[in-house]
């Protein structure tokens, strides 16, 4: 019996997205990305929560760190392959869980 991904039938696989990143490089991207997200979020929260730090250039630095965290998140998603990321976290059923509907049934034989 052939394995079918829970993403099949819900998300479309694009032909241009057929790339492969080695597993050890995925781990490195994920680790560095997670550290970057945490550090940039810390800088953003620190600047906007402490009134003394809200001087002229610091506000710009705070927004730059926010966008750096967003960029790091997208790099981690790219390294893991978008479909693998969706499948790993079960995001294909996010809308069904949000609206309290039954999850998507991917059985092709039924």
PDB file of N, CA and C in Angstrom:
ATOM      1  N   UNK A   1       0.846  -1.173   0.000  1.00  0.00           N
ATOM      2  CA  UNK A   1       0.000   0.000   0.000  1.00  0.00           C
ATOM      3  C   UNK A   1       0.893   1.237   0.000  1.00  0.00           C
ATOM      4  N   UNK A   2       0.610   2.152  -0.851  1.00  0.00           N
ATOM      5  CA  UNK A   2       1.423   3.349  -1.011  1.00  0.00           C
ATOM      6  C   UNK A   2       1.066   4.378   0.055  1.00  0.00           C
ATOM      7  N   UNK A   3       2.108   4.989   0.612  1.00  0.00           N
ATOM      8  CA  UNK A   3       1.903   6.022   1.626  1.00  0.00           C
ATOM      9  C   UNK A   3       1.362   7.291   0.978  1.00  0.00           C
ATOM     10  N   UNK A   4       0.301   7.832   1.538  1.00  0.00           N
ATOM     11  CA  UNK A   4      -0.211   9.119   1.078  1.00  0.00           C
ATOM     12  C   UNK A   4      -0.108  10.102   2.234  1.00  0.00           C
ATOM     13  N   UNK A   5       0.391  11.238   1.943  1.00  0.00           N
ATOM     14  CA  UNK A   5       0.568  12.282   2.939  1.00  0.00           C
ATOM     15  C   UNK A   5      -0.787  12.874   3.308  1.00  0.00           C
ATOM     16  N   UNK A   6      -0.957  13.301   4.568  1.00  0.00           N
ATOM     17  CA  UNK A   6      -2.214  13.957   4.926  1.00  0.00           C
ATOM     18  C   UNK A   6      -2.397  15.298   4.208  1.00  0.00           C
ATOM     19  N   UNK A   7      -1.333  15.810   3.614  1.00  0.00           N
ATOM     20  CA  UNK A   7      -1.410  17.080   2.899  1.00  0.00           C
ATOM     21  C   UNK A   7      -1.999  16.869   1.507  1.00  0.00           C
ATOM     22  N   UNK A   8      -1.868  15.672   0.956  1.00  0.00           N
ATOM     23  CA  UNK A   8      -2.369  15.404  -0.389  1.00  0.00           C
ATOM     24  C   UNK A   8      -3.870  15.625  -0.444  1.00  0.00           C
ATOM     25  N   UNK A   9      -4.316  16.312  -1.462  1.00  0.00           N
ATOM     26  CA  UNK A   9      -5.723  16.605  -1.628  1.00  0.00           C
ATOM     27  C   UNK A   9      -6.159  17.878  -0.931  1.00  0.00           C
ATOM     28  N   UNK A  10      -5.313  18.405  -0.041  1.00  0.00           N
ATOM     29  CA  UNK A  10      -5.646  19.632   0.660  1.00  0.00           C
ATOM     30  C   UNK A  10      -4.782  20.777   0.133  1.00  0.00           C
ATOM     31  N   UNK A  11      -3.488  20.534   0.032  1.00  0.00           N
ATOM     32  CA  UNK A  11      -2.543  21.538  -0.466  1.00  0.00           C
ATOM     33  C   UNK A  11      -1.964  21.048  -1.788  1.00  0.00           C
ATOM     34  N   UNK A  12      -1.702  21.958  -2.673  1.00  0.00           N
ATOM     35  CA  UNK A  12      -1.184  21.615  -3.993  1.00  0.00           C
ATOM     36  C   UNK A  12       0.331  21.641  -3.983  1.00  0.00           C
ATOM     37  N   UNK A  13       0.936  20.599  -4.499  1.00  0.00           N
ATOM     38  CA  UNK A  13       2.394  20.570  -4.635  1.00  0.00           C
ATOM     39  C   UNK A  13       2.760  21.189  -5.975  1.00  0.00           C
ATOM     40  N   UNK A  14       3.559  22.223  -5.920  1.00  0.00           N
ATOM     41  CA  UNK A  14       3.973  22.902  -7.137  1.00  0.00           C
ATOM     42  C   UNK A  14       5.250  22.268  -7.672  1.00  0.00           C
ATOM     43  N   UNK A  15       5.380  22.133  -9.011  1.00  0.00           N
ATOM     44  CA  UNK A  15       6.566  21.488  -9.557  1.00  0.00           C
ATOM     45  C   UNK A  15       7.855  22.250  -9.269  1.00  0.00           C
ATOM     46  N   UNK A  16       7.798  23.558  -9.125  1.00  0.00           N
ATOM     47  CA  UNK A  16       8.995  24.338  -8.861  1.00  0.00           C
ATOM     48  C   UNK A  16       9.496  24.209  -7.432  1.00  0.00           C
ATOM     49  N   UNK A  17       8.733  23.532  -6.564  1.00  0.00           N
ATOM     50  CA  UNK A  17       9.108  23.405  -5.163  1.00  0.00           C
ATOM     51  C   UNK A  17       9.819  22.094  -4.874  1.00  0.00           C
ATOM     52  N   UNK A  18      10.288  21.410  -5.892  1.00  0.00           N
ATOM     53  CA  UNK A  18      10.981  20.138  -5.702  1.00  0.00           C
ATOM     54  C   UNK A  18      12.457  20.392  -5.433  1.00  0.00           C
ATOM     55  N   UNK A  19      12.804  20.700  -4.206  1.00  0.00           N
ATOM     56  CA  UNK A  19      14.184  20.889  -3.804  1.00  0.00           C
ATOM     57  C   UNK A  19      14.412  20.068  -2.550  1.00  0.00           C
ATOM     58  N   UNK A  20      15.648  19.804  -2.253  1.00  0.00           N
ATOM     59  CA  UNK A  20      15.951  18.973  -1.106  1.00  0.00           C
ATOM     60  C   UNK A  20      17.101  19.592  -0.314  1.00  0.00           C
ATOM     61  N   UNK A  21      16.897  19.770   0.957  1.00  0.00           N
ATOM     62  CA  UNK A  21      17.930  20.244   1.857  1.00  0.00           C
ATOM     63  C   UNK A  21      18.298  19.061   2.746  1.00  0.00           C
ATOM     64  N   UNK A  22      19.591  18.748   2.894  1.00  0.00           N
ATOM     65  CA  UNK A  22      19.988  17.608   3.741  1.00  0.00           C
ATOM     66  C   UNK A  22      19.484  17.776   5.179  1.00  0.00           C
ATOM     67  N   UNK A  23      19.253  16.644   5.842  1.00  0.00           N
ATOM     68  CA  UNK A  23      18.667  16.657   7.183  1.00  0.00           C
ATOM     69  C   UNK A  23      19.522  17.427   8.190  1.00  0.00           C
ATOM     70  N   UNK A  24      20.864  17.266   8.113  1.00  0.00           N
ATOM     71  CA  UNK A  24      21.710  17.978   9.068  1.00  0.00           C
ATOM     72  C   UNK A  24      21.663  19.492   8.830  1.00  0.00           C
ATOM     73  N   UNK A  25      21.500  19.896   7.580  1.00  0.00           N
ATOM     74  CA  UNK A  25      21.372  21.323   7.281  1.00  0.00           C
ATOM     75  C   UNK A  25      20.005  21.845   7.731  1.00  0.00           C
ATOM     76  N   UNK A  26      18.961  21.010   7.631  1.00  0.00           N
ATOM     77  CA  UNK A  26      17.649  21.403   8.145  1.00  0.00           C
ATOM     78  C   UNK A  26      17.714  21.650   9.644  1.00  0.00           C
ATOM     79  N   UNK A  27      18.438  20.775  10.345  1.00  0.00           N
ATOM     80  CA  UNK A  27      18.581  20.937  11.793  1.00  0.00           C
ATOM     81  C   UNK A  27      19.326  22.229  12.117  1.00  0.00           C
ATOM     82  N   UNK A  28      20.360  22.534  11.345  1.00  0.00           N
ATOM     83  CA  UNK A  28      21.118  23.770  11.575  1.00  0.00           C
ATOM     84  C   UNK A  28      20.247  24.993  11.306  1.00  0.00           C
ATOM     85  N   UNK A  29      19.509  24.982  10.191  1.00  0.00           N
ATOM     86  CA  UNK A  29      18.602  26.088   9.884  1.00  0.00           C
ATOM     87  C   UNK A  29      17.574  26.264  10.997  1.00  0.00           C
ATOM     88  N   UNK A  30      17.027  25.162  11.476  1.00  0.00           N
ATOM     89  CA  UNK A  30      15.998  25.235  12.514  1.00  0.00           C
ATOM     90  C   UNK A  30      16.559  25.775  13.821  1.00  0.00           C
ATOM     91  N   UNK A  31      17.733  25.308  14.214  1.00  0.00           N
ATOM     92  CA  UNK A  31      18.336  25.756  15.461  1.00  0.00           C
ATOM     93  C   UNK A  31      18.708  27.233  15.401  1.00  0.00           C
ATOM     94  N   UNK A  32      19.417  27.622  14.357  1.00  0.00           N
ATOM     95  CA  UNK A  32      19.819  29.023  14.221  1.00  0.00           C
ATOM     96  C   UNK A  32      18.588  29.915  14.034  1.00  0.00           C
ATOM     97  N   UNK A  33      17.607  29.433  13.283  1.00  0.00           N
ATOM     98  CA  UNK A  33      16.383  30.202  13.085  1.00  0.00           C
ATOM     99  C   UNK A  33      15.626  30.405  14.379  1.00  0.00           C
ATOM    100  N   UNK A  34      15.519  29.351  15.191  1.00  0.00           N
ATOM    101  CA  UNK A  34      14.815  29.471  16.471  1.00  0.00           C
ATOM    102  C   UNK A  34      15.525  30.454  17.393  1.00  0.00           C
ATOM    103  N   UNK A  35      16.858  30.386  17.447  1.00  0.00           N
ATOM    104  CA  UNK A  35      17.618  31.329  18.273  1.00  0.00           C
ATOM    105  C   UNK A  35      17.450  32.763  17.763  1.00  0.00           C
ATOM    106  N   UNK A  36      17.453  32.929  16.453  1.00  0.00           N
ATOM    107  CA  UNK A  36      17.283  34.258  15.870  1.00  0.00           C
ATOM    108  C   UNK A  36      15.896  34.812  16.153  1.00  0.00           C
ATOM    109  N   UNK A  37      14.888  33.971  16.052  1.00  0.00           N
ATOM    110  CA  UNK A  37      13.517  34.403  16.348  1.00  0.00           C
ATOM    111  C   UNK A  37      13.394  34.836  17.802  1.00  0.00           C
ATOM    112  N   UNK A  38      13.955  34.036  18.714  1.00  0.00           N
ATOM    113  CA  UNK A  38      13.868  34.387  20.139  1.00  0.00           C
ATOM    114  C   UNK A  38      14.630  35.671  20.447  1.00  0.00           C
ATOM    115  N   UNK A  39      15.833  35.821  19.893  1.00  0.00           N
ATOM    116  CA  UNK A  39      16.641  37.013  20.172  1.00  0.00           C
ATOM    117  C   UNK A  39      15.989  38.271  19.600  1.00  0.00           C
ATOM    118  N   UNK A  40      15.513  38.186  18.367  1.00  0.00           N
ATOM    119  CA  UNK A  40      14.908  39.378  17.768  1.00  0.00           C
ATOM    120  C   UNK A  40      13.587  39.737  18.447  1.00  0.00           C
ATOM    121  N   UNK A  41      12.841  38.737  18.891  1.00  0.00           N
ATOM    122  CA  UNK A  41      11.613  39.005  19.640  1.00  0.00           C
ATOM    123  C   UNK A  41      11.929  39.659  20.986  1.00  0.00           C
ATOM    124  N   UNK A  42      12.997  39.192  21.629  1.00  0.00           N
ATOM    125  CA  UNK A  42      13.421  39.799  22.891  1.00  0.00           C
ATOM    126  C   UNK A  42      13.789  41.267  22.700  1.00  0.00           C
ATOM    127  N   UNK A  43      14.538  41.570  21.637  1.00  0.00           N
ATOM    128  CA  UNK A  43      14.922  42.959  21.363  1.00  0.00           C
ATOM    129  C   UNK A  43      13.673  43.801  21.090  1.00  0.00           C
ATOM    130  N   UNK A  44      12.764  43.293  20.270  1.00  0.00           N
ATOM    131  CA  UNK A  44      11.534  44.023  19.942  1.00  0.00           C
ATOM    132  C   UNK A  44      10.719  44.315  21.194  1.00  0.00           C
ATOM    133  N   UNK A  45      10.507  43.301  22.024  1.00  0.00           N
ATOM    134  CA  UNK A  45       9.710  43.482  23.240  1.00  0.00           C
ATOM    135  C   UNK A  45      10.414  44.411  24.220  1.00  0.00           C
ATOM    136  N   UNK A  46      11.726  44.282  24.336  1.00  0.00           N
ATOM    137  CA  UNK A  46      12.481  45.150  25.252  1.00  0.00           C
ATOM    138  C   UNK A  46      12.366  46.610  24.855  1.00  0.00           C
ATOM    139  N   UNK A  47      12.527  46.885  23.580  1.00  0.00           N
ATOM    140  CA  UNK A  47      12.492  48.276  23.120  1.00  0.00           C
ATOM    141  C   UNK A  47      11.109  48.887  23.312  1.00  0.00           C
ATOM    142  N   UNK A  48      10.070  48.139  23.019  1.00  0.00           N
ATOM    143  CA  UNK A  48       8.731  48.722  23.091  1.00  0.00           C
ATOM    144  C   UNK A  48       8.076  48.613  24.469  1.00  0.00           C
ATOM    145  N   UNK A  49       8.697  47.899  25.406  1.00  0.00           N
ATOM    146  CA  UNK A  49       8.116  47.823  26.747  1.00  0.00           C
ATOM    147  C   UNK A  49       8.812  48.749  27.744  1.00  0.00           C
ATOM    148  N   UNK A  50      10.046  49.149  27.463  1.00  0.00           N
ATOM    149  CA  UNK A  50      10.774  50.056  28.362  1.00  0.00           C
ATOM    150  C   UNK A  50      10.746  51.452  27.747  1.00  0.00           C
ATOM    151  N   UNK A  51      10.186  52.392  28.495  1.00  0.00           N
ATOM    152  CA  UNK A  51       9.999  53.742  27.945  1.00  0.00           C
ATOM    153  C   UNK A  51      11.324  54.426  27.616  1.00  0.00           C
ATOM    154  N   UNK A  52      12.367  54.204  28.410  1.00  0.00           N
ATOM    155  CA  UNK A  52      13.671  54.825  28.149  1.00  0.00           C
ATOM    156  C   UNK A  52      14.275  54.381  26.820  1.00  0.00           C
ATOM    157  N   UNK A  53      13.945  53.186  26.388  1.00  0.00           N
ATOM    158  CA  UNK A  53      14.532  52.654  25.148  1.00  0.00           C
ATOM    159  C   UNK A  53      13.809  53.131  23.895  1.00  0.00           C
ATOM    160  N   UNK A  54      12.732  53.869  24.060  1.00  0.00           N
ATOM    161  CA  UNK A  54      11.967  54.321  22.894  1.00  0.00           C
ATOM    162  C   UNK A  54      12.468  55.649  22.335  1.00  0.00           C
ATOM    163  N   UNK A  55      13.756  55.867  22.371  1.00  0.00           N
ATOM    164  CA  UNK A  55      14.335  57.074  21.781  1.00  0.00           C
ATOM    165  C   UNK A  55      14.398  56.898  20.270  1.00  0.00           C
ATOM    166  N   UNK A  56      14.833  57.951  19.571  1.00  0.00           N
ATOM    167  CA  UNK A  56      14.745  57.987  18.107  1.00  0.00           C
ATOM    168  C   UNK A  56      15.259  56.748  17.359  1.00  0.00           C
ATOM    169  N   UNK A  57      16.507  56.362  17.424  1.00  0.00           N
ATOM    170  CA  UNK A  57      16.904  55.250  16.543  1.00  0.00           C
ATOM    171  C   UNK A  57      16.425  53.888  17.035  1.00  0.00           C
ATOM    172  N   UNK A  58      16.103  53.785  18.317  1.00  0.00           N
ATOM    173  CA  UNK A  58      15.733  52.479  18.863  1.00  0.00           C
ATOM    174  C   UNK A  58      14.405  51.961  18.327  1.00  0.00           C
ATOM    175  N   UNK A  59      13.475  52.845  18.014  1.00  0.00           N
ATOM    176  CA  UNK A  59      12.194  52.398  17.465  1.00  0.00           C
ATOM    177  C   UNK A  59      12.424  51.720  16.121  1.00  0.00           C
ATOM    178  N   UNK A  60      13.288  52.307  15.315  1.00  0.00           N
ATOM    179  CA  UNK A  60      13.618  51.701  14.020  1.00  0.00           C
ATOM    180  C   UNK A  60      14.319  50.356  14.221  1.00  0.00           C
ATOM    181  N   UNK A  61      15.207  50.275  15.198  1.00  0.00           N
ATOM    182  CA  UNK A  61      15.900  49.022  15.500  1.00  0.00           C
ATOM    183  C   UNK A  61      14.895  47.973  15.968  1.00  0.00           C
ATOM    184  N   UNK A  62      13.909  48.388  16.746  1.00  0.00           N
ATOM    185  CA  UNK A  62      12.881  47.454  17.197  1.00  0.00           C
ATOM    186  C   UNK A  62      12.093  46.866  16.041  1.00  0.00           C
ATOM    187  N   UNK A  63      11.708  47.702  15.082  1.00  0.00           N
ATOM    188  CA  UNK A  63      10.983  47.191  13.923  1.00  0.00           C
ATOM    189  C   UNK A  63      11.876  46.322  13.044  1.00  0.00           C
ATOM    190  N   UNK A  64      13.143  46.678  12.913  1.00  0.00           N
ATOM    191  CA  UNK A  64      14.074  45.846  12.142  1.00  0.00           C
ATOM    192  C   UNK A  64      14.201  44.468  12.788  1.00  0.00           C
ATOM    193  N   UNK A  65      14.279  44.425  14.116  1.00  0.00           N
ATOM    194  CA  UNK A  65      14.387  43.131  14.787  1.00  0.00           C
ATOM    195  C   UNK A  65      13.098  42.322  14.648  1.00  0.00           C
ATOM    196  N   UNK A  66      11.947  42.993  14.638  1.00  0.00           N
ATOM    197  CA  UNK A  66      10.681  42.283  14.406  1.00  0.00           C
ATOM    198  C   UNK A  66      10.680  41.625  13.030  1.00  0.00           C
ATOM    199  N   UNK A  67      11.079  42.392  12.012  1.00  0.00           N
ATOM    200  CA  UNK A  67      11.089  41.842  10.659  1.00  0.00           C
ATOM    201  C   UNK A  67      12.192  40.797  10.475  1.00  0.00           C
ATOM    202  N   UNK A  68      13.275  40.894  11.246  1.00  0.00           N
ATOM    203  CA  UNK A  68      14.310  39.853  11.229  1.00  0.00           C
ATOM    204  C   UNK A  68      13.743  38.542  11.768  1.00  0.00           C
ATOM    205  N   UNK A  69      12.940  38.626  12.819  1.00  0.00           N
ATOM    206  CA  UNK A  69      12.305  37.420  13.357  1.00  0.00           C
ATOM    207  C   UNK A  69      11.357  36.789  12.358  1.00  0.00           C
ATOM    208  N   UNK A  70      10.592  37.616  11.653  1.00  0.00           N
ATOM    209  CA  UNK A  70       9.687  37.105  10.619  1.00  0.00           C
ATOM    210  C   UNK A  70      10.484  36.461   9.491  1.00  0.00           C
ATOM    211  N   UNK A  71      11.585  37.089   9.101  1.00  0.00           N
ATOM    212  CA  UNK A  71      12.439  36.544   8.051  1.00  0.00           C
ATOM    213  C   UNK A  71      13.060  35.213   8.482  1.00  0.00           C
ATOM    214  N   UNK A  72      13.479  35.119   9.735  1.00  0.00           N
ATOM    215  CA  UNK A  72      14.050  33.867  10.240  1.00  0.00           C
ATOM    216  C   UNK A  72      13.005  32.755  10.230  1.00  0.00           C
ATOM    217  N   UNK A  73      11.766  33.088  10.585  1.00  0.00           N
ATOM    218  CA  UNK A  73      10.682  32.097  10.542  1.00  0.00           C
ATOM    219  C   UNK A  73      10.496  31.571   9.114  1.00  0.00           C
ATOM    220  N   UNK A  74      10.478  32.474   8.146  1.00  0.00           N
ATOM    221  CA  UNK A  74      10.292  32.051   6.760  1.00  0.00           C
ATOM    222  C   UNK A  74      11.480  31.234   6.248  1.00  0.00           C
ATOM    223  N   UNK A  75      12.672  31.526   6.741  1.00  0.00           N
ATOM    224  CA  UNK A  75      13.846  30.730   6.368  1.00  0.00           C
ATOM    225  C   UNK A  75      13.725  29.311   6.911  1.00  0.00           C
ATOM    226  N   UNK A  76      13.233  29.167   8.124  1.00  0.00           N
ATOM    227  CA  UNK A  76      13.041  27.830   8.692  1.00  0.00           C
ATOM    228  C   UNK A  76      11.986  27.066   7.896  1.00  0.00           C
ATOM    229  N   UNK A  77      10.901  27.727   7.527  1.00  0.00           N
ATOM    230  CA  UNK A  77       9.865  27.067   6.722  1.00  0.00           C
ATOM    231  C   UNK A  77      10.433  26.668   5.364  1.00  0.00           C
ATOM    232  N   UNK A  78      11.247  27.523   4.755  1.00  0.00           N
ATOM    233  CA  UNK A  78      11.861  27.196   3.464  1.00  0.00           C
ATOM    234  C   UNK A  78      12.788  25.998   3.597  1.00  0.00           C
ATOM    235  N   UNK A  79      13.605  25.979   4.643  1.00  0.00           N
ATOM    236  CA  UNK A  79      14.575  24.890   4.812  1.00  0.00           C
ATOM    237  C   UNK A  79      13.884  23.564   5.042  1.00  0.00           C
ATOM    238  N   UNK A  80      12.762  23.575   5.749  1.00  0.00           N
ATOM    239  CA  UNK A  80      12.058  22.332   6.028  1.00  0.00           C
ATOM    240  C   UNK A  80      11.185  21.892   4.862  1.00  0.00           C
ATOM    241  N   UNK A  81      11.010  22.707   3.849  1.00  0.00           N
ATOM    242  CA  UNK A  81      10.103  22.477   2.737  1.00  0.00           C
ATOM    243  C   UNK A  81       8.687  22.758   3.249  1.00  0.00           C
ATOM    244  N   UNK A  82       8.003  23.610   2.583  1.00  0.00           N
ATOM    245  CA  UNK A  82       6.692  24.077   3.048  1.00  0.00           C
ATOM    246  C   UNK A  82       5.727  22.936   3.306  1.00  0.00           C
ATOM    247  N   UNK A  83       5.694  21.955   2.421  1.00  0.00           N
ATOM    248  CA  UNK A  83       4.746  20.850   2.604  1.00  0.00           C
ATOM    249  C   UNK A  83       5.126  19.984   3.803  1.00  0.00           C
ATOM    250  N   UNK A  84       6.414  19.770   4.037  1.00  0.00           N
ATOM    251  CA  UNK A  84       6.840  19.018   5.216  1.00  0.00           C
ATOM    252  C   UNK A  84       6.485  19.769   6.490  1.00  0.00           C
ATOM    253  N   UNK A  85       6.633  21.098   6.462  1.00  0.00           N
ATOM    254  CA  UNK A  85       6.296  21.935   7.612  1.00  0.00           C
ATOM    255  C   UNK A  85       4.803  21.839   7.913  1.00  0.00           C
ATOM    256  N   UNK A  86       3.977  21.938   6.880  1.00  0.00           N
ATOM    257  CA  UNK A  86       2.525  21.837   7.047  1.00  0.00           C
ATOM    258  C   UNK A  86       2.141  20.468   7.586  1.00  0.00           C
ATOM    259  N   UNK A  87       2.749  19.422   7.035  1.00  0.00           N
ATOM    260  CA  UNK A  87       2.422  18.059   7.461  1.00  0.00           C
ATOM    261  C   UNK A  87       2.894  17.792   8.886  1.00  0.00           C
ATOM    262  N   UNK A  88       4.098  18.272   9.237  1.00  0.00           N
ATOM    263  CA  UNK A  88       4.647  18.020  10.568  1.00  0.00           C
ATOM    264  C   UNK A  88       3.778  18.632  11.657  1.00  0.00           C
ATOM    265  N   UNK A  89       3.316  19.863  11.451  1.00  0.00           N
ATOM    266  CA  UNK A  89       2.516  20.545  12.455  1.00  0.00           C
ATOM    267  C   UNK A  89       1.015  20.336  12.284  1.00  0.00           C
ATOM    268  N   UNK A  90       0.593  19.605  11.255  1.00  0.00           N
ATOM    269  CA  UNK A  90      -0.825  19.338  11.047  1.00  0.00           C
ATOM    270  C   UNK A  90      -1.616  20.565  10.648  1.00  0.00           C
ATOM    271  N   UNK A  91      -0.991  21.477   9.935  1.00  0.00           N
ATOM    272  CA  UNK A  91      -1.648  22.728   9.581  1.00  0.00           C
ATOM    273  C   UNK A  91      -2.700  22.571   8.490  1.00  0.00           C
ATOM    274  N   UNK A  92      -2.729  21.406   7.820  1.00  0.00           N
ATOM    275  CA  UNK A  92      -3.727  21.222   6.775  1.00  0.00           C
ATOM    276  C   UNK A  92      -5.132  21.166   7.358  1.00  0.00           C
ATOM    277  N   UNK A  93      -5.248  20.888   8.640  1.00  0.00           N
ATOM    278  CA  UNK A  93      -6.560  20.832   9.292  1.00  0.00           C
ATOM    279  C   UNK A  93      -6.843  22.058  10.143  1.00  0.00           C
ATOM    280  N   UNK A  94      -6.033  23.103  10.000  1.00  0.00           N
ATOM    281  CA  UNK A  94      -6.171  24.282  10.841  1.00  0.00           C
ATOM    282  C   UNK A  94      -7.547  24.920  10.700  1.00  0.00           C
ATOM    283  N   UNK A  95      -8.041  25.057   9.480  1.00  0.00           N
ATOM    284  CA  UNK A  95      -9.346  25.687   9.294  1.00  0.00           C
ATOM    285  C   UNK A  95     -10.458  24.830   9.895  1.00  0.00           C
ATOM    286  N   UNK A  96     -10.353  23.516   9.747  1.00  0.00           N
ATOM    287  CA  UNK A  96     -11.376  22.648  10.318  1.00  0.00           C
ATOM    288  C   UNK A  96     -11.367  22.739  11.849  1.00  0.00           C
ATOM    289  N   UNK A  97     -10.172  22.770  12.452  1.00  0.00           N
ATOM    290  CA  UNK A  97     -10.089  22.878  13.906  1.00  0.00           C
ATOM    291  C   UNK A  97     -10.579  24.242  14.379  1.00  0.00           C
ATOM    292  N   UNK A  98     -10.336  25.279  13.585  1.00  0.00           N
ATOM    293  CA  UNK A  98     -10.760  26.620  13.961  1.00  0.00           C
ATOM    294  C   UNK A  98     -12.283  26.732  13.990  1.00  0.00           C
ATOM    295  N   UNK A  99     -12.940  26.137  13.009  1.00  0.00           N
ATOM    296  CA  UNK A  99     -14.395  26.220  12.916  1.00  0.00           C
ATOM    297  C   UNK A  99     -15.102  25.031  13.545  1.00  0.00           C
ATOM    298  N   UNK A 100     -14.368  24.180  14.273  1.00  0.00           N
ATOM    299  CA  UNK A 100     -14.896  22.993  14.952  1.00  0.00           C
ATOM    300  C   UNK A 100     -15.635  22.084  13.963  1.00  0.00           C
ATOM    301  N   UNK A 101     -15.005  21.843  12.841  1.00  0.00           N
ATOM    302  CA  UNK A 101     -15.509  20.902  11.849  1.00  0.00           C
ATOM    303  C   UNK A 101     -14.661  19.648  11.900  1.00  0.00           C
ATOM    304  N   UNK A 102     -15.141  18.535  11.386  1.00  0.00           N
ATOM    305  CA  UNK A 102     -14.307  17.330  11.387  1.00  0.00           C
ATOM    306  C   UNK A 102     -13.089  17.525  10.479  1.00  0.00           C
ATOM    307  N   UNK A 103     -11.942  16.921  10.826  1.00  0.00           N
ATOM    308  CA  UNK A 103     -10.742  17.080   9.999  1.00  0.00           C
ATOM    309  C   UNK A 103     -10.924  16.468   8.618  1.00  0.00           C
ATOM    310  N   UNK A 104     -10.060  16.874   7.709  1.00  0.00           N
ATOM    311  CA  UNK A 104     -10.118  16.413   6.324  1.00  0.00           C
ATOM    312  C   UNK A 104      -9.781  14.935   6.267  1.00  0.00           C
ATOM    313  N   UNK A 105     -10.611  14.159   5.564  1.00  0.00           N
ATOM    314  CA  UNK A 105     -10.366  12.736   5.387  1.00  0.00           C
ATOM    315  C   UNK A 105      -9.633  12.555   4.058  1.00  0.00           C
ATOM    316  N   UNK A 106      -8.433  12.008   4.109  1.00  0.00           N
ATOM    317  CA  UNK A 106      -7.616  11.861   2.909  1.00  0.00           C
ATOM    318  C   UNK A 106      -7.617  10.442   2.367  1.00  0.00           C
ATOM    319  N   UNK A 107      -8.556   9.617   2.787  1.00  0.00           N
ATOM    320  CA  UNK A 107      -8.625   8.248   2.261  1.00  0.00           C
ATOM    321  C   UNK A 107      -9.092   8.287   0.818  1.00  0.00           C
ATOM    322  N   UNK A 108      -8.242   7.806  -0.068  1.00  0.00           N
ATOM    323  CA  UNK A 108      -8.591   7.841  -1.489  1.00  0.00           C
ATOM    324  C   UNK A 108      -9.445   6.643  -1.907  1.00  0.00           C
ATOM    325  N   UNK A 109      -9.413   5.571  -1.082  1.00  0.00           N
ATOM    326  CA  UNK A 109     -10.197   4.379  -1.428  1.00  0.00           C
ATOM    327  C   UNK A 109     -11.651   4.514  -0.991  1.00  0.00           C
ATOM    328  N   UNK A 110     -11.896   5.366  -0.016  1.00  0.00           N
ATOM    329  CA  UNK A 110     -13.272   5.471   0.517  1.00  0.00           C
ATOM    330  C   UNK A 110     -14.180   6.271  -0.390  1.00  0.00           C
TER     331      UNK A 110
END
